[in-house]
Amino acid sequence: MKGYLTYLILWNLSQTPMNGAQITREFEKRRGTKPSPGTIYPALKELKTKGLITVDDKKTYSLTIDGEKELKSACKLFCKIFYDAEEMSEFCK
């Protein structure tokens, strides 16, 4: 995967289908800053082009089977890299 943005979009969509505004609000809740539409929508377009997500008539995005596979692969890599995330979290308090 290219970066954490696509990983986090896939992660959010694995929880529930969302539209672009809902994805943006989730990012804002997690990061404290609101990403611009110029950040979110190109990433959504790329994920759709790669067949990892679909979009319906109401502009609600959801994962495809390939998107779930990609997310599982990315989660494994994330956990391998940040195996000590809990320890790091304690350090940051």
Protein backbone atom coordinates (compact mmCIF):
# COMPACT_ATOMS: atom_id res chain seq x y z
CA MET A 1 0.00 0.00 0.00
CA LYS A 2 1.16 3.50 -0.80
CA GLY A 3 0.61 5.03 2.62
CA TYR A 4 -1.37 5.22 5.78
CA LEU A 5 -4.15 7.25 4.18
CA THR A 6 -5.31 4.34 2.04
CA TYR A 7 -4.84 1.94 4.94
CA LEU A 8 -7.00 4.09 7.22
CA ILE A 9 -9.68 4.53 4.56
CA LEU A 10 -9.86 0.76 4.11
CA TRP A 11 -9.89 0.28 7.88
CA ASN A 12 -12.76 2.75 8.33
CA LEU A 13 -14.73 1.13 5.52
CA SER A 14 -14.19 -2.29 7.08
CA GLN A 15 -16.16 -1.05 10.08
CA THR A 16 -19.10 0.31 8.07
CA PRO A 17 -19.79 1.71 4.60
CA MET A 18 -19.35 5.49 4.55
CA ASN A 19 -19.55 8.46 2.24
CA GLY A 20 -16.65 10.86 1.77
CA ALA A 21 -17.88 13.30 4.42
CA GLN A 22 -18.18 10.52 7.00
CA ILE A 23 -14.67 9.30 6.21
CA THR A 24 -13.41 12.87 6.63
CA ARG A 25 -15.11 13.17 10.03
CA GLU A 26 -13.55 9.89 11.18
CA PHE A 27 -10.12 11.19 10.21
CA GLU A 28 -10.81 14.44 12.06
CA LYS A 29 -11.84 12.53 15.21
CA ARG A 30 -8.69 10.42 15.10
CA ARG A 31 -6.15 13.05 14.07
CA GLY A 32 -7.67 16.27 15.38
CA THR A 33 -7.41 17.90 11.95
CA LYS A 34 -9.78 17.74 9.04
CA PRO A 35 -8.26 16.48 5.78
CA SER A 36 -9.19 18.37 2.65
CA PRO A 37 -11.42 16.91 -0.06
CA GLY A 38 -8.33 17.14 -2.28
CA THR A 39 -6.73 14.54 -0.03
CA ILE A 40 -9.61 12.14 0.54
CA TYR A 41 -11.31 11.97 -2.85
CA PRO A 42 -8.23 11.20 -4.99
CA ALA A 43 -7.42 8.36 -2.59
CA LEU A 44 -10.99 7.06 -2.86
CA LYS A 45 -10.79 7.26 -6.65
CA GLU A 46 -7.53 5.31 -6.67
CA LEU A 47 -8.94 2.63 -4.36
CA LYS A 48 -12.01 2.33 -6.58
CA THR A 49 -9.86 2.08 -9.73
CA LYS A 50 -7.84 -0.71 -8.10
CA GLY A 51 -11.07 -2.57 -7.29
CA LEU A 52 -10.57 -2.35 -3.53
CA ILE A 53 -13.76 -0.37 -2.87
CA THR A 54 -17.08 0.22 -4.60
CA VAL A 55 -19.39 3.22 -4.53
CA ASP A 56 -23.17 3.14 -4.85
CA ASP A 57 -25.67 5.69 -6.19
CA LYS A 58 -25.72 7.48 -2.82
CA LYS A 59 -21.92 7.92 -2.95
CA THR A 60 -21.43 5.41 -0.12
CA TYR A 61 -18.16 3.53 -0.30
CA SER A 62 -17.65 -0.05 0.85
CA LEU A 63 -14.92 -2.67 0.69
CA THR A 64 -14.76 -5.32 -2.00
CA ILE A 65 -13.43 -8.81 -1.35
CA ASP A 66 -10.10 -7.67 -2.80
CA GLY A 67 -10.23 -4.64 -0.48
CA GLU A 68 -10.65 -6.93 2.52
CA LYS A 69 -7.68 -9.02 1.38
CA GLU A 70 -5.55 -5.90 0.90
CA LEU A 71 -6.58 -4.61 4.33
CA LYS A 72 -5.66 -7.92 6.01
CA SER A 73 -2.28 -7.84 4.30
CA ALA A 74 -1.74 -4.22 5.36
CA CYS A 75 -2.81 -5.00 8.94
CA LYS A 76 -0.26 -7.80 9.13
CA LEU A 77 2.46 -5.47 7.88
CA PHE A 78 1.33 -2.71 10.26
CA CYS A 79 1.39 -5.09 13.23
CA LYS A 80 4.81 -6.40 12.21
CA ILE A 81 6.23 -2.88 12.03
CA PHE A 82 4.50 -1.61 15.17
CA TYR A 83 4.50 -4.77 17.23
CA ASP A 84 5.30 -2.66 20.28
CA ALA A 85 2.56 -0.06 19.70
CA GLU A 86 1.08 -0.61 23.16
CA GLU A 87 4.46 0.03 24.75
CA MET A 88 4.91 3.13 22.60
CA SER A 89 1.48 4.36 23.63
CA GLU A 90 2.42 4.10 27.29
CA PHE A 91 5.63 6.00 26.62
CA CYS A 92 3.71 8.88 25.04
CA LYS A 93 1.47 9.45 28.07
